[in-house]
């Protein structure tokens, strides 16, 4: 069995606009975020999605419904399925904090001053464990906890698709970035963060995931 997943990052939110940590916490889409969702919807308008999924955050849900409204085949689309497995990484104590300040704290003991320095000098997997180490409540997700959750999401989708299906999943920036890094480690995820409303296409089989493209958000790009 082989099918296609189009991962879309939700539109810009208030916390995105203010550069705040936004994992399991939530905030509304901005006007730009609504526009991001409409643009993604128009770029995917011709797709015949057999199943539609979004994480359990309002930002993913609202983005998903806007994309569905733009779809040329919307009358045949089923109601989206909520998949908490594809929510954003959990930042625990640091939820809602200033992002730059948070990553300075996480990386300080390793001479890293930003998220990009941490994932460049170490890895995006290490960044989760580093945050877990310094979370005073130990609520931030470790890398093992994160992947146990995301792997169960892929298992769910595989169990509900058939050969040739096209699937929409509205998810989150670091989650998409992490999936891409795991299955296509040669793709640059340090300097390229998925834009709000961007599309990442993956081909999924019973035992593999391949990334066809990452972070497409321009009209001239392929979809």
N, C-alpha and C. Protein backbone atom coordinates (compact mmCIF):
# COMPACT_ATOMS: atom_id res chain seq x y z
N UNK A 1 0.83 -1.20 0.00
CA UNK A 1 0.00 0.00 0.00
C UNK A 1 0.87 1.25 0.00
N UNK A 2 0.52 2.19 -0.87
CA UNK A 2 1.22 3.48 -0.93
C UNK A 2 0.18 4.59 -1.05
N UNK A 3 0.32 5.61 -0.23
CA UNK A 3 -0.59 6.76 -0.32
C UNK A 3 0.19 8.04 -0.03
N UNK A 4 -0.46 9.18 -0.26
CA UNK A 4 0.20 10.48 -0.15
C UNK A 4 -0.40 11.29 0.99
N UNK A 5 0.47 11.90 1.78
CA UNK A 5 0.03 12.83 2.81
C UNK A 5 0.53 14.23 2.46
N UNK A 6 -0.38 15.18 2.46
CA UNK A 6 -0.01 16.59 2.35
C UNK A 6 -0.09 17.19 3.76
N UNK A 7 1.07 17.43 4.36
CA UNK A 7 1.12 18.09 5.66
C UNK A 7 1.09 19.60 5.44
N UNK A 8 0.18 20.29 6.12
CA UNK A 8 0.11 21.75 6.06
C UNK A 8 0.32 22.31 7.45
N UNK A 9 1.21 23.28 7.56
CA UNK A 9 1.35 23.98 8.83
C UNK A 9 0.21 24.98 8.95
N UNK A 10 -0.40 25.06 10.12
CA UNK A 10 -1.49 26.01 10.36
C UNK A 10 -1.08 27.43 10.02
N UNK A 11 -2.07 28.30 9.84
CA UNK A 11 -1.80 29.71 9.59
C UNK A 11 -1.23 30.42 10.81
N UNK A 12 -0.68 31.59 10.55
CA UNK A 12 -0.06 32.37 11.64
C UNK A 12 -1.07 32.64 12.76
N UNK A 13 -0.57 32.54 14.01
CA UNK A 13 -1.38 32.83 15.19
C UNK A 13 -0.84 34.05 15.93
N UNK A 14 -1.58 34.48 16.94
CA UNK A 14 -1.13 35.60 17.77
C UNK A 14 0.21 35.28 18.42
N UNK A 15 0.36 34.06 18.94
CA UNK A 15 1.64 33.69 19.58
C UNK A 15 2.77 33.65 18.55
N UNK A 16 2.50 33.18 17.33
CA UNK A 16 3.51 33.24 16.28
C UNK A 16 3.94 34.68 16.04
N UNK A 17 2.97 35.56 15.95
CA UNK A 17 3.23 36.97 15.66
C UNK A 17 4.11 37.60 16.73
N UNK A 18 3.89 37.20 17.98
CA UNK A 18 4.65 37.78 19.09
C UNK A 18 5.87 36.93 19.48
N UNK A 19 6.19 35.92 18.67
CA UNK A 19 7.37 35.08 18.90
C UNK A 19 7.32 34.40 20.27
N UNK A 20 6.16 33.79 20.56
CA UNK A 20 5.95 33.06 21.81
C UNK A 20 5.97 31.56 21.57
N UNK A 21 6.42 30.82 22.59
CA UNK A 21 6.42 29.37 22.51
C UNK A 21 4.97 28.87 22.45
N UNK A 22 4.66 28.08 21.45
CA UNK A 22 3.28 27.62 21.27
C UNK A 22 3.30 26.15 20.87
N UNK A 23 3.17 25.31 21.87
CA UNK A 23 3.15 23.88 21.63
C UNK A 23 1.76 23.34 21.86
N UNK A 24 1.52 22.87 23.10
CA UNK A 24 0.19 22.37 23.44
C UNK A 24 -0.76 23.51 23.81
N UNK A 25 -0.23 24.68 24.12
CA UNK A 25 -1.11 25.83 24.32
C UNK A 25 -1.56 26.34 22.95
N UNK A 26 -2.52 27.25 22.94
CA UNK A 26 -3.15 27.63 21.68
C UNK A 26 -3.38 29.13 21.65
N UNK A 27 -3.54 29.68 20.45
CA UNK A 27 -3.96 31.08 20.29
C UNK A 27 -4.64 31.20 18.93
N UNK A 28 -5.46 32.23 18.75
CA UNK A 28 -6.25 32.34 17.51
C UNK A 28 -5.39 32.69 16.30
N UNK A 29 -5.93 32.36 15.12
CA UNK A 29 -5.31 32.81 13.89
C UNK A 29 -5.40 34.32 13.78
N UNK A 30 -4.34 34.94 13.26
CA UNK A 30 -4.37 36.36 12.93
C UNK A 30 -5.03 36.53 11.55
N UNK A 31 -5.19 37.78 11.13
CA UNK A 31 -5.69 38.02 9.77
C UNK A 31 -4.74 37.40 8.75
N UNK A 32 -3.45 37.53 8.99
CA UNK A 32 -2.48 36.89 8.10
C UNK A 32 -2.65 35.37 8.14
N UNK A 33 -2.91 34.83 9.34
CA UNK A 33 -3.09 33.39 9.47
C UNK A 33 -4.28 32.88 8.68
N UNK A 34 -5.36 33.64 8.67
CA UNK A 34 -6.53 33.28 7.87
C UNK A 34 -6.18 33.31 6.39
N UNK A 35 -5.40 34.33 5.99
CA UNK A 35 -4.94 34.43 4.61
C UNK A 35 -4.02 33.26 4.27
N UNK A 36 -3.12 32.89 5.20
CA UNK A 36 -2.25 31.74 4.99
C UNK A 36 -3.06 30.49 4.66
N UNK A 37 -4.14 30.29 5.42
CA UNK A 37 -4.97 29.10 5.23
C UNK A 37 -5.68 29.13 3.88
N UNK A 38 -6.19 30.29 3.49
CA UNK A 38 -6.85 30.39 2.18
C UNK A 38 -5.87 30.12 1.05
N UNK A 39 -4.65 30.64 1.18
CA UNK A 39 -3.64 30.41 0.13
C UNK A 39 -3.31 28.92 0.02
N UNK A 40 -3.13 28.26 1.17
CA UNK A 40 -2.87 26.82 1.14
C UNK A 40 -4.04 26.08 0.50
N UNK A 41 -5.24 26.48 0.84
CA UNK A 41 -6.43 25.85 0.27
C UNK A 41 -6.49 25.98 -1.24
N UNK A 42 -6.18 27.17 -1.74
CA UNK A 42 -6.20 27.40 -3.19
C UNK A 42 -5.13 26.56 -3.89
N UNK A 43 -3.97 26.41 -3.26
CA UNK A 43 -2.89 25.63 -3.87
C UNK A 43 -3.21 24.13 -3.91
N UNK A 44 -4.06 23.70 -2.99
CA UNK A 44 -4.44 22.29 -2.93
C UNK A 44 -5.87 22.06 -3.41
N UNK A 45 -6.44 23.05 -4.08
CA UNK A 45 -7.87 23.01 -4.40
C UNK A 45 -8.25 21.85 -5.30
N UNK A 46 -7.35 21.39 -6.13
CA UNK A 46 -7.68 20.33 -7.08
C UNK A 46 -7.48 18.93 -6.52
N UNK A 47 -6.96 18.82 -5.31
CA UNK A 47 -6.70 17.50 -4.72
C UNK A 47 -8.00 16.80 -4.32
N UNK A 48 -8.03 15.50 -4.54
CA UNK A 48 -9.18 14.69 -4.13
C UNK A 48 -8.80 13.99 -2.82
N UNK A 49 -8.99 14.66 -1.73
CA UNK A 49 -8.61 14.09 -0.44
C UNK A 49 -9.63 13.03 -0.02
N UNK A 50 -9.13 11.84 0.24
CA UNK A 50 -10.01 10.77 0.71
C UNK A 50 -10.24 10.87 2.21
N UNK A 51 -9.26 11.42 2.93
CA UNK A 51 -9.41 11.65 4.36
C UNK A 51 -8.73 12.96 4.73
N UNK A 52 -9.29 13.62 5.72
CA UNK A 52 -8.77 14.91 6.19
C UNK A 52 -8.59 14.82 7.70
N UNK A 53 -7.42 15.22 8.16
CA UNK A 53 -7.08 15.16 9.59
C UNK A 53 -6.52 16.50 10.04
N UNK A 54 -6.71 16.80 11.31
CA UNK A 54 -6.02 17.94 11.91
C UNK A 54 -5.76 17.63 13.38
N UNK A 55 -4.78 18.32 13.95
CA UNK A 55 -4.49 18.13 15.38
C UNK A 55 -5.64 18.67 16.21
N UNK A 56 -5.54 18.52 17.51
CA UNK A 56 -6.63 18.92 18.39
C UNK A 56 -6.51 20.37 18.87
N UNK A 57 -5.78 21.21 18.15
CA UNK A 57 -5.70 22.63 18.50
C UNK A 57 -6.66 23.42 17.62
N UNK A 58 -7.15 24.54 18.14
CA UNK A 58 -8.07 25.35 17.34
C UNK A 58 -7.39 25.94 16.12
N UNK A 59 -6.08 26.23 16.22
CA UNK A 59 -5.39 26.82 15.08
C UNK A 59 -5.31 25.84 13.91
N UNK A 60 -5.13 24.56 14.22
CA UNK A 60 -5.11 23.55 13.16
C UNK A 60 -6.53 23.29 12.63
N UNK A 61 -7.49 23.22 13.53
CA UNK A 61 -8.88 23.00 13.12
C UNK A 61 -9.37 24.10 12.20
N UNK A 62 -9.15 25.35 12.57
CA UNK A 62 -9.65 26.47 11.77
C UNK A 62 -8.93 26.56 10.43
N UNK A 63 -7.64 26.29 10.43
CA UNK A 63 -6.90 26.25 9.17
C UNK A 63 -7.46 25.16 8.27
N UNK A 64 -7.71 24.00 8.84
CA UNK A 64 -8.23 22.87 8.08
C UNK A 64 -9.56 23.19 7.41
N UNK A 65 -10.46 23.80 8.15
CA UNK A 65 -11.79 24.09 7.59
C UNK A 65 -11.71 25.12 6.47
N UNK A 66 -10.80 26.07 6.58
CA UNK A 66 -10.62 27.04 5.50
C UNK A 66 -10.08 26.34 4.26
N UNK A 67 -9.12 25.44 4.43
CA UNK A 67 -8.58 24.68 3.30
C UNK A 67 -9.69 23.86 2.64
N UNK A 68 -10.54 23.24 3.44
CA UNK A 68 -11.64 22.45 2.89
C UNK A 68 -12.62 23.32 2.11
N UNK A 69 -12.87 24.53 2.61
CA UNK A 69 -13.78 25.45 1.92
C UNK A 69 -13.26 25.83 0.54
N UNK A 70 -11.95 25.84 0.38
CA UNK A 70 -11.33 26.22 -0.90
C UNK A 70 -11.24 25.03 -1.86
N UNK A 71 -11.51 23.82 -1.39
CA UNK A 71 -11.29 22.64 -2.21
C UNK A 71 -12.40 22.47 -3.25
N UNK A 72 -12.00 22.19 -4.49
CA UNK A 72 -12.96 22.02 -5.58
C UNK A 72 -13.85 20.80 -5.39
N UNK A 73 -13.40 19.87 -4.55
CA UNK A 73 -14.15 18.63 -4.32
C UNK A 73 -14.72 18.57 -2.92
N UNK A 74 -14.97 19.75 -2.35
CA UNK A 74 -15.36 19.82 -0.94
C UNK A 74 -16.66 19.08 -0.65
N UNK A 75 -17.54 18.96 -1.63
CA UNK A 75 -18.81 18.27 -1.39
C UNK A 75 -18.62 16.79 -1.10
N UNK A 76 -17.52 16.24 -1.58
CA UNK A 76 -17.27 14.81 -1.37
C UNK A 76 -16.36 14.54 -0.18
N UNK A 77 -15.88 15.61 0.50
CA UNK A 77 -14.97 15.43 1.63
C UNK A 77 -15.74 15.02 2.87
N UNK A 78 -15.19 14.09 3.60
CA UNK A 78 -15.77 13.73 4.89
C UNK A 78 -15.36 14.74 5.94
N UNK A 79 -16.04 14.73 7.05
CA UNK A 79 -15.66 15.62 8.14
C UNK A 79 -14.26 15.26 8.63
N UNK A 80 -13.46 16.26 9.00
CA UNK A 80 -12.09 15.97 9.44
C UNK A 80 -12.09 15.10 10.70
N UNK A 81 -11.06 14.28 10.79
CA UNK A 81 -10.81 13.49 11.98
C UNK A 81 -9.76 14.21 12.82
N UNK A 82 -10.01 14.32 14.11
CA UNK A 82 -9.07 14.97 15.02
C UNK A 82 -8.00 13.95 15.42
N UNK A 83 -6.73 14.30 15.18
CA UNK A 83 -5.62 13.44 15.56
C UNK A 83 -4.69 14.19 16.51
N UNK A 84 -4.88 14.02 17.83
CA UNK A 84 -3.97 14.68 18.78
C UNK A 84 -2.51 14.26 18.59
N UNK A 85 -2.31 13.12 17.95
CA UNK A 85 -0.94 12.62 17.76
C UNK A 85 -0.09 13.58 16.93
N UNK A 86 -0.73 14.42 16.12
CA UNK A 86 0.02 15.35 15.27
C UNK A 86 -0.05 16.79 15.78
N UNK A 87 -0.30 16.95 17.08
CA UNK A 87 -0.19 18.30 17.65
C UNK A 87 1.28 18.69 17.75
N UNK A 88 1.52 19.93 18.12
CA UNK A 88 2.89 20.42 18.23
C UNK A 88 3.62 19.78 19.40
N UNK A 89 4.94 19.86 19.35
CA UNK A 89 5.77 19.45 20.48
C UNK A 89 5.31 20.16 21.76
N UNK A 90 5.31 19.43 22.87
CA UNK A 90 4.92 20.02 24.15
C UNK A 90 6.10 20.69 24.84
N UNK A 91 5.96 21.99 25.17
CA UNK A 91 7.06 22.75 25.76
C UNK A 91 6.96 22.89 27.28
N UNK A 92 5.97 22.24 27.87
CA UNK A 92 5.88 22.22 29.33
C UNK A 92 5.87 23.59 29.97
N UNK A 93 6.75 23.79 30.94
CA UNK A 93 6.83 25.04 31.69
C UNK A 93 7.02 26.25 30.77
N UNK A 94 7.62 26.05 29.62
CA UNK A 94 7.99 27.16 28.74
C UNK A 94 6.88 27.59 27.78
N UNK A 95 5.73 26.93 27.85
CA UNK A 95 4.61 27.33 27.00
C UNK A 95 4.26 28.80 27.23
N UNK A 96 4.18 29.54 26.14
CA UNK A 96 3.80 30.95 26.20
C UNK A 96 4.94 31.91 26.46
N UNK A 97 6.12 31.38 26.78
CA UNK A 97 7.29 32.24 27.03
C UNK A 97 7.82 32.83 25.73
N UNK A 98 8.60 33.89 25.87
CA UNK A 98 9.30 34.45 24.71
C UNK A 98 10.22 33.37 24.13
N UNK A 99 10.12 33.14 22.83
CA UNK A 99 10.86 32.05 22.22
C UNK A 99 12.37 32.24 22.28
N UNK A 100 12.83 33.43 21.99
CA UNK A 100 14.28 33.68 21.99
C UNK A 100 14.87 33.47 23.38
N UNK A 101 14.16 33.96 24.39
CA UNK A 101 14.63 33.81 25.76
C UNK A 101 14.64 32.33 26.17
N UNK A 102 13.60 31.61 25.77
CA UNK A 102 13.51 30.19 26.13
C UNK A 102 14.66 29.40 25.55
N UNK A 103 14.94 29.56 24.27
CA UNK A 103 16.00 28.77 23.65
C UNK A 103 17.38 29.18 24.15
N UNK A 104 17.53 30.44 24.59
CA UNK A 104 18.78 30.84 25.23
C UNK A 104 18.97 30.06 26.53
N UNK A 105 17.89 29.92 27.30
CA UNK A 105 17.96 29.17 28.56
C UNK A 105 18.24 27.69 28.30
N UNK A 106 17.58 27.13 27.29
CA UNK A 106 17.75 25.70 26.99
C UNK A 106 19.18 25.41 26.53
N UNK A 107 19.75 26.30 25.72
CA UNK A 107 21.06 26.04 25.14
C UNK A 107 22.24 26.59 25.90
N UNK A 108 21.99 27.38 26.95
CA UNK A 108 23.08 28.10 27.61
C UNK A 108 24.20 27.20 28.10
N UNK A 109 23.84 26.09 28.72
CA UNK A 109 24.87 25.21 29.30
C UNK A 109 25.70 24.51 28.22
N UNK A 110 25.25 24.60 26.97
CA UNK A 110 25.97 23.97 25.86
C UNK A 110 26.49 25.01 24.87
N UNK A 111 26.59 26.25 25.34
CA UNK A 111 27.13 27.35 24.54
C UNK A 111 26.34 27.60 23.27
N UNK A 112 25.03 27.41 23.35
CA UNK A 112 24.14 27.71 22.23
C UNK A 112 23.17 28.80 22.68
N UNK A 113 22.93 29.76 21.80
CA UNK A 113 22.11 30.91 22.18
C UNK A 113 20.77 30.96 21.45
N UNK A 114 20.47 29.98 20.62
CA UNK A 114 19.23 30.00 19.84
C UNK A 114 18.84 28.58 19.46
N UNK A 115 17.59 28.44 19.02
CA UNK A 115 17.11 27.13 18.56
C UNK A 115 17.93 26.65 17.36
N UNK A 116 18.23 27.56 16.43
CA UNK A 116 18.99 27.16 15.25
C UNK A 116 20.39 26.69 15.63
N UNK A 117 21.01 27.32 16.62
CA UNK A 117 22.33 26.86 17.07
C UNK A 117 22.25 25.48 17.72
N UNK A 118 21.20 25.26 18.50
CA UNK A 118 21.04 23.96 19.16
C UNK A 118 20.88 22.85 18.13
N UNK A 119 20.00 23.04 17.15
CA UNK A 119 19.75 21.95 16.20
C UNK A 119 20.87 21.83 15.17
N UNK A 120 21.65 22.90 15.00
CA UNK A 120 22.80 22.83 14.12
C UNK A 120 23.98 22.14 14.79
N UNK A 121 24.26 22.51 16.04
CA UNK A 121 25.40 21.95 16.77
C UNK A 121 25.08 20.57 17.36
N UNK A 122 23.81 20.33 17.63
CA UNK A 122 23.38 19.04 18.17
C UNK A 122 22.33 18.45 17.20
N UNK A 123 21.09 18.46 17.57
CA UNK A 123 20.04 17.99 16.65
C UNK A 123 18.68 18.45 17.18
N UNK A 124 17.67 18.36 16.33
CA UNK A 124 16.33 18.72 16.77
C UNK A 124 15.84 17.71 17.81
N UNK A 125 16.31 16.47 17.72
CA UNK A 125 15.97 15.46 18.73
C UNK A 125 16.57 15.83 20.09
N UNK A 126 17.84 16.25 20.07
CA UNK A 126 18.49 16.67 21.32
C UNK A 126 17.80 17.87 21.94
N UNK A 127 17.28 18.77 21.11
CA UNK A 127 16.65 19.98 21.64
C UNK A 127 15.49 19.65 22.57
N UNK A 128 14.76 18.58 22.26
CA UNK A 128 13.65 18.17 23.13
C UNK A 128 14.17 17.66 24.48
N UNK A 129 15.20 16.85 24.43
CA UNK A 129 15.74 16.31 25.68
C UNK A 129 16.41 17.41 26.52
N UNK A 130 17.05 18.39 25.86
CA UNK A 130 17.65 19.50 26.60
C UNK A 130 16.59 20.31 27.33
N UNK A 131 15.44 20.53 26.65
CA UNK A 131 14.36 21.28 27.29
C UNK A 131 13.77 20.49 28.45
N UNK A 132 13.60 19.20 28.26
CA UNK A 132 13.08 18.35 29.33
C UNK A 132 13.97 18.43 30.56
N UNK A 133 15.28 18.47 30.36
CA UNK A 133 16.25 18.51 31.46
C UNK A 133 16.04 19.72 32.36
N UNK A 134 15.75 20.88 31.75
CA UNK A 134 15.70 22.11 32.55
C UNK A 134 14.28 22.54 32.92
N UNK A 135 13.27 21.80 32.44
CA UNK A 135 11.89 22.12 32.81
C UNK A 135 11.70 21.79 34.29
N UNK A 136 11.41 22.77 35.14
CA UNK A 136 11.29 22.50 36.59
C UNK A 136 10.15 21.55 36.93
N UNK A 137 9.16 21.45 36.03
CA UNK A 137 8.04 20.54 36.26
C UNK A 137 8.19 19.22 35.49
N UNK A 138 9.20 19.14 34.64
CA UNK A 138 9.43 17.95 33.81
C UNK A 138 8.24 17.65 32.90
N UNK A 139 7.53 18.70 32.48
CA UNK A 139 6.36 18.51 31.62
C UNK A 139 6.68 18.62 30.14
N UNK A 140 7.82 19.20 29.78
CA UNK A 140 8.20 19.27 28.36
C UNK A 140 8.39 17.85 27.82
N UNK A 141 8.02 17.65 26.57
CA UNK A 141 8.15 16.32 25.96
C UNK A 141 9.61 15.98 25.68
N UNK A 142 10.02 14.82 26.07
CA UNK A 142 11.32 14.30 25.66
C UNK A 142 11.21 13.83 24.21
N UNK A 143 12.36 13.54 23.61
CA UNK A 143 12.32 13.04 22.24
C UNK A 143 11.59 11.71 22.15
N UNK A 144 11.80 10.81 23.12
CA UNK A 144 11.11 9.52 23.11
C UNK A 144 9.60 9.70 23.25
N UNK A 145 9.19 10.60 24.13
CA UNK A 145 7.76 10.85 24.31
C UNK A 145 7.14 11.43 23.05
N UNK A 146 7.85 12.36 22.43
CA UNK A 146 7.36 12.98 21.20
C UNK A 146 7.15 11.93 20.11
N UNK A 147 8.15 11.06 19.90
CA UNK A 147 8.05 10.10 18.80
C UNK A 147 7.08 8.96 19.08
N UNK A 148 6.91 8.61 20.33
CA UNK A 148 5.89 7.62 20.66
C UNK A 148 4.52 8.13 20.22
N UNK A 149 4.28 9.41 20.46
CA UNK A 149 3.01 10.02 20.07
C UNK A 149 2.87 10.11 18.56
N UNK A 150 3.87 10.67 17.88
CA UNK A 150 3.79 10.86 16.43
C UNK A 150 3.73 9.53 15.69
N UNK A 151 4.51 8.55 16.15
CA UNK A 151 4.45 7.23 15.51
C UNK A 151 3.06 6.62 15.58
N UNK A 152 2.37 6.85 16.70
CA UNK A 152 1.01 6.32 16.81
C UNK A 152 0.07 7.01 15.83
N UNK A 153 0.36 8.27 15.50
CA UNK A 153 -0.42 8.98 14.49
C UNK A 153 -0.24 8.36 13.11
N UNK A 154 1.00 8.05 12.74
CA UNK A 154 1.24 7.38 11.47
C UNK A 154 0.58 6.01 11.44
N UNK A 155 0.62 5.30 12.56
CA UNK A 155 -0.04 3.99 12.63
C UNK A 155 -1.54 4.13 12.38
N UNK A 156 -2.14 5.15 12.99
CA UNK A 156 -3.58 5.35 12.83
C UNK A 156 -3.92 5.60 11.36
N UNK A 157 -3.15 6.50 10.73
CA UNK A 157 -3.45 6.83 9.34
C UNK A 157 -3.25 5.61 8.44
N UNK A 158 -2.17 4.88 8.63
CA UNK A 158 -1.94 3.68 7.81
C UNK A 158 -3.11 2.70 7.93
N UNK A 159 -3.68 2.60 9.12
CA UNK A 159 -4.79 1.67 9.34
C UNK A 159 -6.11 2.14 8.75
N UNK A 160 -6.15 3.39 8.30
CA UNK A 160 -7.40 3.94 7.78
C UNK A 160 -7.30 4.39 6.33
N UNK A 161 -6.22 4.05 5.64
CA UNK A 161 -6.07 4.43 4.23
C UNK A 161 -5.94 3.19 3.37
N UNK A 162 -6.12 3.43 2.07
CA UNK A 162 -5.93 2.37 1.08
C UNK A 162 -4.98 2.88 0.00
N UNK A 163 -4.56 1.98 -0.86
CA UNK A 163 -3.59 2.30 -1.89
C UNK A 163 -4.09 3.44 -2.78
N UNK A 164 -3.22 4.43 -3.01
CA UNK A 164 -3.55 5.53 -3.91
C UNK A 164 -4.24 6.71 -3.26
N UNK A 165 -4.58 6.63 -1.99
CA UNK A 165 -5.27 7.73 -1.32
C UNK A 165 -4.41 8.99 -1.27
N UNK A 166 -5.09 10.14 -1.27
CA UNK A 166 -4.47 11.43 -0.98
C UNK A 166 -5.09 11.94 0.32
N UNK A 167 -4.23 12.33 1.25
CA UNK A 167 -4.65 12.66 2.61
C UNK A 167 -4.14 14.05 2.99
N UNK A 168 -4.97 14.81 3.67
CA UNK A 168 -4.56 16.11 4.21
C UNK A 168 -4.38 15.99 5.72
N UNK A 169 -3.25 16.48 6.24
CA UNK A 169 -3.02 16.56 7.68
C UNK A 169 -2.59 17.99 8.01
N UNK A 170 -3.38 18.70 8.79
CA UNK A 170 -3.00 20.04 9.23
C UNK A 170 -2.34 19.91 10.59
N UNK A 171 -1.07 20.29 10.64
CA UNK A 171 -0.26 20.07 11.83
C UNK A 171 0.53 21.33 12.17
N UNK A 172 1.76 21.16 12.62
CA UNK A 172 2.51 22.26 13.27
C UNK A 172 3.97 22.28 12.82
N UNK A 173 4.60 23.44 12.98
CA UNK A 173 5.91 23.67 12.42
C UNK A 173 6.99 22.73 12.89
N UNK A 174 7.19 22.62 14.21
CA UNK A 174 8.27 21.76 14.70
C UNK A 174 7.95 20.29 14.49
N UNK A 175 6.69 19.93 14.55
CA UNK A 175 6.30 18.54 14.28
C UNK A 175 6.63 18.17 12.83
N UNK A 176 6.25 19.01 11.89
CA UNK A 176 6.55 18.74 10.48
C UNK A 176 8.06 18.73 10.26
N UNK A 177 8.74 19.70 10.84
CA UNK A 177 10.21 19.79 10.71
C UNK A 177 10.87 18.51 11.23
N UNK A 178 10.38 18.00 12.34
CA UNK A 178 10.96 16.80 12.94
C UNK A 178 10.71 15.57 12.09
N UNK A 179 9.51 15.46 11.53
CA UNK A 179 9.19 14.33 10.67
C UNK A 179 10.09 14.34 9.43
N UNK A 180 10.24 15.52 8.84
CA UNK A 180 11.09 15.65 7.66
C UNK A 180 12.53 15.25 7.99
N UNK A 181 13.03 15.71 9.13
CA UNK A 181 14.41 15.40 9.50
C UNK A 181 14.60 13.89 9.71
N UNK A 182 13.60 13.25 10.27
CA UNK A 182 13.73 11.81 10.52
C UNK A 182 13.78 11.02 9.23
N UNK A 183 12.92 11.36 8.27
CA UNK A 183 12.79 10.54 7.07
C UNK A 183 13.57 11.06 5.87
N UNK A 184 14.03 12.32 5.95
CA UNK A 184 14.85 12.89 4.87
C UNK A 184 15.94 13.74 5.50
N UNK A 185 16.91 13.12 6.18
CA UNK A 185 17.90 13.87 6.96
C UNK A 185 18.78 14.80 6.13
N UNK A 186 18.81 14.62 4.80
CA UNK A 186 19.62 15.50 3.96
C UNK A 186 18.95 16.86 3.70
N UNK A 187 17.65 16.96 3.99
CA UNK A 187 16.95 18.24 3.80
C UNK A 187 17.36 19.21 4.91
N UNK A 188 17.62 20.44 4.54
CA UNK A 188 18.04 21.47 5.48
C UNK A 188 16.85 21.96 6.30
N UNK A 189 16.80 21.55 7.57
CA UNK A 189 15.73 22.05 8.44
C UNK A 189 16.26 23.10 9.42
N UNK A 190 17.57 23.40 9.33
CA UNK A 190 18.14 24.41 10.22
C UNK A 190 17.79 25.80 9.73
N UNK A 191 18.07 26.08 8.47
CA UNK A 191 17.78 27.40 7.93
C UNK A 191 16.38 27.49 7.32
N UNK A 192 15.74 26.34 7.11
CA UNK A 192 14.41 26.32 6.52
C UNK A 192 13.39 25.81 7.53
N UNK A 193 12.66 26.74 8.11
CA UNK A 193 11.54 26.38 8.98
C UNK A 193 10.26 26.44 8.16
N UNK A 194 9.35 25.47 8.31
CA UNK A 194 8.12 25.52 7.50
C UNK A 194 7.31 26.78 7.78
N UNK A 195 6.99 27.51 6.73
CA UNK A 195 6.21 28.73 6.86
C UNK A 195 4.77 28.41 7.24
N UNK A 196 4.11 29.36 7.87
CA UNK A 196 2.68 29.19 8.15
C UNK A 196 1.93 29.02 6.84
N UNK A 197 1.13 27.97 6.76
CA UNK A 197 0.38 27.69 5.53
C UNK A 197 1.16 26.92 4.48
N UNK A 198 2.41 26.54 4.79
CA UNK A 198 3.21 25.81 3.81
C UNK A 198 2.76 24.35 3.70
N UNK A 199 3.11 23.75 2.57
CA UNK A 199 2.73 22.37 2.27
C UNK A 199 4.00 21.51 2.18
N UNK A 200 3.95 20.36 2.81
CA UNK A 200 5.03 19.36 2.73
C UNK A 200 4.40 18.04 2.30
N UNK A 201 4.91 17.47 1.21
CA UNK A 201 4.31 16.27 0.63
C UNK A 201 5.14 15.04 0.97
N UNK A 202 4.49 14.00 1.47
CA UNK A 202 5.16 12.75 1.81
C UNK A 202 4.45 11.57 1.19
N UNK A 203 5.23 10.61 0.75
CA UNK A 203 4.71 9.35 0.22
C UNK A 203 4.90 8.28 1.28
N UNK A 204 3.81 7.65 1.69
CA UNK A 204 3.83 6.71 2.81
C UNK A 204 3.45 5.31 2.33
N UNK A 205 4.24 4.34 2.74
CA UNK A 205 3.90 2.94 2.47
C UNK A 205 3.72 2.22 3.80
N UNK A 206 3.57 0.91 3.74
CA UNK A 206 3.39 0.14 4.98
C UNK A 206 4.58 0.25 5.92
N UNK A 207 5.76 0.46 5.36
CA UNK A 207 6.95 0.45 6.20
C UNK A 207 7.94 1.58 5.92
N UNK A 208 7.52 2.61 5.18
CA UNK A 208 8.44 3.70 4.89
C UNK A 208 7.70 5.01 4.70
N UNK A 209 8.46 6.11 4.84
CA UNK A 209 7.96 7.46 4.56
C UNK A 209 9.05 8.17 3.76
N UNK A 210 8.70 8.73 2.62
CA UNK A 210 9.65 9.52 1.86
C UNK A 210 9.09 10.93 1.66
N UNK A 211 9.97 11.91 1.67
CA UNK A 211 9.56 13.32 1.55
C UNK A 211 9.75 13.75 0.11
N UNK A 212 8.65 14.08 -0.56
CA UNK A 212 8.73 14.51 -1.97
C UNK A 212 9.12 15.98 -2.06
N UNK A 213 8.57 16.81 -1.18
CA UNK A 213 9.02 18.20 -1.07
C UNK A 213 8.67 18.73 0.31
N UNK A 214 9.36 19.80 0.69
CA UNK A 214 9.24 20.38 2.03
C UNK A 214 9.05 21.89 1.92
N UNK A 215 8.04 22.40 2.66
CA UNK A 215 7.91 23.84 2.86
C UNK A 215 7.62 24.60 1.56
N UNK A 216 6.67 24.13 0.78
CA UNK A 216 6.25 24.86 -0.41
C UNK A 216 5.15 25.85 -0.02
N UNK A 217 5.36 27.11 -0.35
CA UNK A 217 4.37 28.13 0.01
C UNK A 217 4.28 29.24 -1.04
N UNK A 218 4.90 29.05 -2.18
CA UNK A 218 4.86 30.04 -3.25
C UNK A 218 4.04 29.50 -4.41
N UNK A 219 3.35 30.40 -5.12
CA UNK A 219 2.46 29.97 -6.19
C UNK A 219 3.20 29.25 -7.30
N UNK A 220 4.47 29.64 -7.54
CA UNK A 220 5.21 29.03 -8.64
C UNK A 220 5.77 27.65 -8.31
N UNK A 221 5.63 27.22 -7.05
CA UNK A 221 6.13 25.90 -6.66
C UNK A 221 5.11 24.82 -7.01
N UNK A 222 5.57 23.58 -7.10
CA UNK A 222 4.68 22.47 -7.42
C UNK A 222 3.89 22.03 -6.20
N UNK A 223 2.68 21.52 -6.44
CA UNK A 223 1.85 21.00 -5.36
C UNK A 223 1.18 19.70 -5.82
